[in-house]
């Protein structure tokens, strides 16, 4: 799945992770736009931590 939602990626990824849908998708490629806002950058940082803690390796943040 390719995710390019121009600044809404944190909201979408949080919903995917909260619902456990990441386990049903083979690969999620995400184009991040952290430069849009400090809030988005903070939320994506929390998602990165959540991925590391949960050993989630099928989400690629930084796809271009």
PDB file of N, CA and C in Angstrom:
ATOM      1  N   UNK A   1       0.848  -1.157   0.000  1.00  0.00           N
ATOM      2  CA  UNK A   1       0.000   0.000   0.000  1.00  0.00           C
ATOM      3  C   UNK A   1       0.902   1.231   0.000  1.00  0.00           C
ATOM      4  N   UNK A   2       0.649   2.174  -0.852  1.00  0.00           N
ATOM      5  CA  UNK A   2       1.381   3.436  -0.892  1.00  0.00           C
ATOM      6  C   UNK A   2       0.506   4.509  -0.243  1.00  0.00           C
ATOM      7  N   UNK A   3       1.100   5.226   0.687  1.00  0.00           N
ATOM      8  CA  UNK A   3       0.367   6.252   1.413  1.00  0.00           C
ATOM      9  C   UNK A   3       1.031   7.612   1.171  1.00  0.00           C
ATOM     10  N   UNK A   4       0.360   8.460   0.432  1.00  0.00           N
ATOM     11  CA  UNK A   4       0.839   9.819   0.164  1.00  0.00           C
ATOM     12  C   UNK A   4      -0.356  10.746   0.331  1.00  0.00           C
ATOM     13  N   UNK A   5      -0.516  11.253   1.545  1.00  0.00           N
ATOM     14  CA  UNK A   5      -1.710  12.029   1.868  1.00  0.00           C
ATOM     15  C   UNK A   5      -1.381  13.452   2.335  1.00  0.00           C
ATOM     16  N   UNK A   6      -0.215  13.939   1.898  1.00  0.00           N
ATOM     17  CA  UNK A   6       0.166  15.340   2.048  1.00  0.00           C
ATOM     18  C   UNK A   6      -0.080  15.934   3.440  1.00  0.00           C
ATOM     19  N   UNK A   7       0.513  15.310   4.457  1.00  0.00           N
ATOM     20  CA  UNK A   7       0.430  15.862   5.799  1.00  0.00           C
ATOM     21  C   UNK A   7      -0.542  15.173   6.730  1.00  0.00           C
ATOM     22  N   UNK A   8      -1.322  14.234   6.216  1.00  0.00           N
ATOM     23  CA  UNK A   8      -2.275  13.499   7.066  1.00  0.00           C
ATOM     24  C   UNK A   8      -1.789  12.083   7.368  1.00  0.00           C
ATOM     25  N   UNK A   9      -0.525  11.805   7.061  1.00  0.00           N
ATOM     26  CA  UNK A   9      -0.019  10.443   7.235  1.00  0.00           C
ATOM     27  C   UNK A   9      -0.020   9.977   8.686  1.00  0.00           C
ATOM     28  N   UNK A  10       0.224  10.874   9.640  1.00  0.00           N
ATOM     29  CA  UNK A  10       0.206  10.452  11.043  1.00  0.00           C
ATOM     30  C   UNK A  10      -1.192   9.989  11.442  1.00  0.00           C
ATOM     31  N   UNK A  11      -2.184  10.755  11.066  1.00  0.00           N
ATOM     32  CA  UNK A  11      -3.570  10.394  11.393  1.00  0.00           C
ATOM     33  C   UNK A  11      -3.939   9.031  10.808  1.00  0.00           C
ATOM     34  N   UNK A  12      -3.586   8.803   9.568  1.00  0.00           N
ATOM     35  CA  UNK A  12      -3.921   7.539   8.902  1.00  0.00           C
ATOM     36  C   UNK A  12      -3.135   6.386   9.527  1.00  0.00           C
ATOM     37  N   UNK A  13      -1.836   6.573   9.748  1.00  0.00           N
ATOM     38  CA  UNK A  13      -1.023   5.502  10.341  1.00  0.00           C
ATOM     39  C   UNK A  13      -1.466   5.174  11.761  1.00  0.00           C
ATOM     40  N   UNK A  14      -1.793   6.180  12.543  1.00  0.00           N
ATOM     41  CA  UNK A  14      -2.283   5.919  13.905  1.00  0.00           C
ATOM     42  C   UNK A  14      -3.546   5.065  13.864  1.00  0.00           C
ATOM     43  N   UNK A  15      -4.443   5.368  12.948  1.00  0.00           N
ATOM     44  CA  UNK A  15      -5.684   4.589  12.824  1.00  0.00           C
ATOM     45  C   UNK A  15      -5.381   3.156  12.387  1.00  0.00           C
ATOM     46  N   UNK A  16      -4.459   2.997  11.446  1.00  0.00           N
ATOM     47  CA  UNK A  16      -4.070   1.655  10.971  1.00  0.00           C
ATOM     48  C   UNK A  16      -3.478   0.852  12.124  1.00  0.00           C
ATOM     49  N   UNK A  17      -2.564   1.462  12.864  1.00  0.00           N
ATOM     50  CA  UNK A  17      -1.921   0.763  13.984  1.00  0.00           C
ATOM     51  C   UNK A  17      -2.912   0.472  15.109  1.00  0.00           C
ATOM     52  N   UNK A  18      -3.765   1.433  15.438  1.00  0.00           N
ATOM     53  CA  UNK A  18      -4.751   1.233  16.512  1.00  0.00           C
ATOM     54  C   UNK A  18      -5.697   0.086  16.194  1.00  0.00           C
ATOM     55  N   UNK A  19      -6.039  -0.069  14.929  1.00  0.00           N
ATOM     56  CA  UNK A  19      -6.965  -1.129  14.514  1.00  0.00           C
ATOM     57  C   UNK A  19      -6.250  -2.455  14.249  1.00  0.00           C
ATOM     58  N   UNK A  20      -4.926  -2.461  14.302  1.00  0.00           N
ATOM     59  CA  UNK A  20      -4.175  -3.687  14.032  1.00  0.00           C
ATOM     60  C   UNK A  20      -4.148  -4.054  12.557  1.00  0.00           C
ATOM     61  N   UNK A  21      -4.510  -3.123  11.703  1.00  0.00           N
ATOM     62  CA  UNK A  21      -4.554  -3.411  10.271  1.00  0.00           C
ATOM     63  C   UNK A  21      -3.173  -3.574   9.665  1.00  0.00           C
ATOM     64  N   UNK A  22      -2.149  -3.051  10.326  1.00  0.00           N
ATOM     65  CA  UNK A  22      -0.792  -3.204   9.813  1.00  0.00           C
ATOM     66  C   UNK A  22      -0.412  -4.681   9.681  1.00  0.00           C
ATOM     67  N   UNK A  23      -1.012  -5.525  10.483  1.00  0.00           N
ATOM     68  CA  UNK A  23      -0.724  -6.968  10.420  1.00  0.00           C
ATOM     69  C   UNK A  23      -1.398  -7.643   9.227  1.00  0.00           C
ATOM     70  N   UNK A  24      -2.319  -6.940   8.593  1.00  0.00           N
ATOM     71  CA  UNK A  24      -3.043  -7.510   7.453  1.00  0.00           C
ATOM     72  C   UNK A  24      -2.552  -6.958   6.117  1.00  0.00           C
ATOM     73  N   UNK A  25      -1.590  -6.038   6.177  1.00  0.00           N
ATOM     74  CA  UNK A  25      -1.052  -5.418   4.966  1.00  0.00           C
ATOM     75  C   UNK A  25       0.415  -5.815   4.857  1.00  0.00           C
ATOM     76  N   UNK A  26       0.812  -6.347   3.723  1.00  0.00           N
ATOM     77  CA  UNK A  26       2.187  -6.821   3.560  1.00  0.00           C
ATOM     78  C   UNK A  26       3.217  -5.712   3.685  1.00  0.00           C
ATOM     79  N   UNK A  27       2.987  -4.607   3.000  1.00  0.00           N
ATOM     80  CA  UNK A  27       3.950  -3.518   2.996  1.00  0.00           C
ATOM     81  C   UNK A  27       3.213  -2.185   2.890  1.00  0.00           C
ATOM     82  N   UNK A  28       3.621  -1.237   3.713  1.00  0.00           N
ATOM     83  CA  UNK A  28       3.044   0.110   3.677  1.00  0.00           C
ATOM     84  C   UNK A  28       4.184   1.086   3.412  1.00  0.00           C
ATOM     85  N   UNK A  29       4.153   1.738   2.268  1.00  0.00           N
ATOM     86  CA  UNK A  29       5.147   2.734   1.894  1.00  0.00           C
ATOM     87  C   UNK A  29       4.547   4.111   2.154  1.00  0.00           C
ATOM     88  N   UNK A  30       5.239   4.906   2.951  1.00  0.00           N
ATOM     89  CA  UNK A  30       4.683   6.190   3.371  1.00  0.00           C
ATOM     90  C   UNK A  30       5.599   7.335   2.950  1.00  0.00           C
ATOM     91  N   UNK A  31       5.059   8.271   2.214  1.00  0.00           N
ATOM     92  CA  UNK A  31       5.780   9.500   1.926  1.00  0.00           C
ATOM     93  C   UNK A  31       5.430  10.477   3.035  1.00  0.00           C
ATOM     94  N   UNK A  32       6.417  10.814   3.862  1.00  0.00           N
ATOM     95  CA  UNK A  32       6.153  11.691   4.994  1.00  0.00           C
ATOM     96  C   UNK A  32       6.398  13.149   4.626  1.00  0.00           C
ATOM     97  N   UNK A  33       5.713  14.007   5.318  1.00  0.00           N
ATOM     98  CA  UNK A  33       5.819  15.452   5.092  1.00  0.00           C
ATOM     99  C   UNK A  33       6.048  16.151   6.432  1.00  0.00           C
ATOM    100  N   UNK A  34       7.068  15.703   7.132  1.00  0.00           N
ATOM    101  CA  UNK A  34       7.349  16.224   8.470  1.00  0.00           C
ATOM    102  C   UNK A  34       7.633  17.719   8.477  1.00  0.00           C
ATOM    103  N   UNK A  35       8.060  18.233   7.352  1.00  0.00           N
ATOM    104  CA  UNK A  35       8.369  19.654   7.254  1.00  0.00           C
ATOM    105  C   UNK A  35       7.107  20.527   7.291  1.00  0.00           C
ATOM    106  N   UNK A  36       5.928  19.910   7.167  1.00  0.00           N
ATOM    107  CA  UNK A  36       4.678  20.677   7.185  1.00  0.00           C
ATOM    108  C   UNK A  36       4.431  21.327   8.539  1.00  0.00           C
ATOM    109  N   UNK A  37       4.753  20.589   9.617  1.00  0.00           N
ATOM    110  CA  UNK A  37       4.494  21.158  10.946  1.00  0.00           C
ATOM    111  C   UNK A  37       5.261  20.414  12.026  1.00  0.00           C
ATOM    112  N   UNK A  38       5.489  21.107  13.121  1.00  0.00           N
ATOM    113  CA  UNK A  38       6.139  20.507  14.287  1.00  0.00           C
ATOM    114  C   UNK A  38       5.263  19.394  14.866  1.00  0.00           C
ATOM    115  N   UNK A  39       3.968  19.593  14.875  1.00  0.00           N
ATOM    116  CA  UNK A  39       3.022  18.585  15.385  1.00  0.00           C
ATOM    117  C   UNK A  39       3.118  17.294  14.574  1.00  0.00           C
ATOM    118  N   UNK A  40       3.155  17.413  13.270  1.00  0.00           N
ATOM    119  CA  UNK A  40       3.276  16.229  12.410  1.00  0.00           C
ATOM    120  C   UNK A  40       4.596  15.526  12.670  1.00  0.00           C
ATOM    121  N   UNK A  41       5.659  16.284  12.804  1.00  0.00           N
ATOM    122  CA  UNK A  41       6.967  15.708  13.099  1.00  0.00           C
ATOM    123  C   UNK A  41       6.947  14.943  14.419  1.00  0.00           C
ATOM    124  N   UNK A  42       6.323  15.521  15.437  1.00  0.00           N
ATOM    125  CA  UNK A  42       6.227  14.867  16.753  1.00  0.00           C
ATOM    126  C   UNK A  42       5.427  13.575  16.664  1.00  0.00           C
ATOM    127  N   UNK A  43       4.303  13.618  15.961  1.00  0.00           N
ATOM    128  CA  UNK A  43       3.450  12.434  15.835  1.00  0.00           C
ATOM    129  C   UNK A  43       4.152  11.325  15.068  1.00  0.00           C
ATOM    130  N   UNK A  44       4.880  11.680  14.021  1.00  0.00           N
ATOM    131  CA  UNK A  44       5.609  10.665  13.262  1.00  0.00           C
ATOM    132  C   UNK A  44       6.754  10.079  14.095  1.00  0.00           C
ATOM    133  N   UNK A  45       7.357  10.903  14.945  1.00  0.00           N
ATOM    134  CA  UNK A  45       8.370  10.394  15.865  1.00  0.00           C
ATOM    135  C   UNK A  45       7.785   9.359  16.814  1.00  0.00           C
ATOM    136  N   UNK A  46       6.590   9.631  17.314  1.00  0.00           N
ATOM    137  CA  UNK A  46       5.907   8.680  18.204  1.00  0.00           C
ATOM    138  C   UNK A  46       5.559   7.396  17.454  1.00  0.00           C
ATOM    139  N   UNK A  47       5.189   7.526  16.193  1.00  0.00           N
ATOM    140  CA  UNK A  47       4.887   6.337  15.382  1.00  0.00           C
ATOM    141  C   UNK A  47       6.158   5.523  15.172  1.00  0.00           C
ATOM    142  N   UNK A  48       7.276   6.179  14.918  1.00  0.00           N
ATOM    143  CA  UNK A  48       8.556   5.466  14.772  1.00  0.00           C
ATOM    144  C   UNK A  48       8.896   4.689  16.043  1.00  0.00           C
ATOM    145  N   UNK A  49       8.691   5.317  17.200  1.00  0.00           N
ATOM    146  CA  UNK A  49       8.926   4.638  18.477  1.00  0.00           C
ATOM    147  C   UNK A  49       7.995   3.444  18.633  1.00  0.00           C
ATOM    148  N   UNK A  50       6.754   3.625  18.283  1.00  0.00           N
ATOM    149  CA  UNK A  50       5.765   2.544  18.372  1.00  0.00           C
ATOM    150  C   UNK A  50       6.152   1.380  17.456  1.00  0.00           C
ATOM    151  N   UNK A  51       6.646   1.702  16.273  1.00  0.00           N
ATOM    152  CA  UNK A  51       7.086   0.664  15.339  1.00  0.00           C
ATOM    153  C   UNK A  51       8.281  -0.094  15.906  1.00  0.00           C
ATOM    154  N   UNK A  52       9.224   0.615  16.499  1.00  0.00           N
ATOM    155  CA  UNK A  52      10.409  -0.028  17.072  1.00  0.00           C
ATOM    156  C   UNK A  52      10.035  -0.913  18.252  1.00  0.00           C
ATOM    157  N   UNK A  53       9.192  -0.390  19.138  1.00  0.00           N
ATOM    158  CA  UNK A  53       8.770  -1.151  20.318  1.00  0.00           C
ATOM    159  C   UNK A  53       7.980  -2.392  19.921  1.00  0.00           C
ATOM    160  N   UNK A  54       7.102  -2.233  18.931  1.00  0.00           N
ATOM    161  CA  UNK A  54       6.270  -3.352  18.491  1.00  0.00           C
ATOM    162  C   UNK A  54       6.914  -4.219  17.420  1.00  0.00           C
ATOM    163  N   UNK A  55       8.158  -3.893  17.083  1.00  0.00           N
ATOM    164  CA  UNK A  55       8.893  -4.626  16.041  1.00  0.00           C
ATOM    165  C   UNK A  55       8.102  -4.694  14.736  1.00  0.00           C
ATOM    166  N   UNK A  56       7.539  -3.572  14.381  1.00  0.00           N
ATOM    167  CA  UNK A  56       6.765  -3.461  13.143  1.00  0.00           C
ATOM    168  C   UNK A  56       7.731  -3.094  12.032  1.00  0.00           C
ATOM    169  N   UNK A  57       7.901  -3.995  11.079  1.00  0.00           N
ATOM    170  CA  UNK A  57       8.899  -3.762  10.033  1.00  0.00           C
ATOM    171  C   UNK A  57       8.309  -3.736   8.621  1.00  0.00           C
ATOM    172  N   UNK A  58       7.005  -3.705   8.517  1.00  0.00           N
ATOM    173  CA  UNK A  58       6.383  -3.666   7.195  1.00  0.00           C
ATOM    174  C   UNK A  58       5.899  -2.268   6.816  1.00  0.00           C
ATOM    175  N   UNK A  59       6.288  -1.270   7.625  1.00  0.00           N
ATOM    176  CA  UNK A  59       5.951   0.129   7.306  1.00  0.00           C
ATOM    177  C   UNK A  59       7.263   0.849   7.010  1.00  0.00           C
ATOM    178  N   UNK A  60       7.341   1.438   5.847  1.00  0.00           N
ATOM    179  CA  UNK A  60       8.530   2.178   5.437  1.00  0.00           C
ATOM    180  C   UNK A  60       8.194   3.671   5.431  1.00  0.00           C
ATOM    181  N   UNK A  61       8.698   4.383   6.452  1.00  0.00           N
ATOM    182  CA  UNK A  61       8.516   5.828   6.512  1.00  0.00           C
ATOM    183  C   UNK A  61       9.685   6.461   5.770  1.00  0.00           C
ATOM    184  N   UNK A  62       9.399   7.355   4.880  1.00  0.00           N
ATOM    185  CA  UNK A  62      10.459   7.982   4.122  1.00  0.00           C
ATOM    186  C   UNK A  62      10.537   7.512   2.693  1.00  0.00           C
ATOM    187  N   UNK A  63       9.504   6.831   2.243  1.00  0.00           N
ATOM    188  CA  UNK A  63       9.457   6.409   0.846  1.00  0.00           C
ATOM    189  C   UNK A  63       9.378   7.651  -0.038  1.00  0.00           C
ATOM    190  N   UNK A  64      10.051   7.623  -1.136  1.00  0.00           N
ATOM    191  CA  UNK A  64      10.030   8.761  -2.072  1.00  0.00           C
ATOM    192  C   UNK A  64       9.735   8.275  -3.453  1.00  0.00           C
TER     193      UNK A  64
END
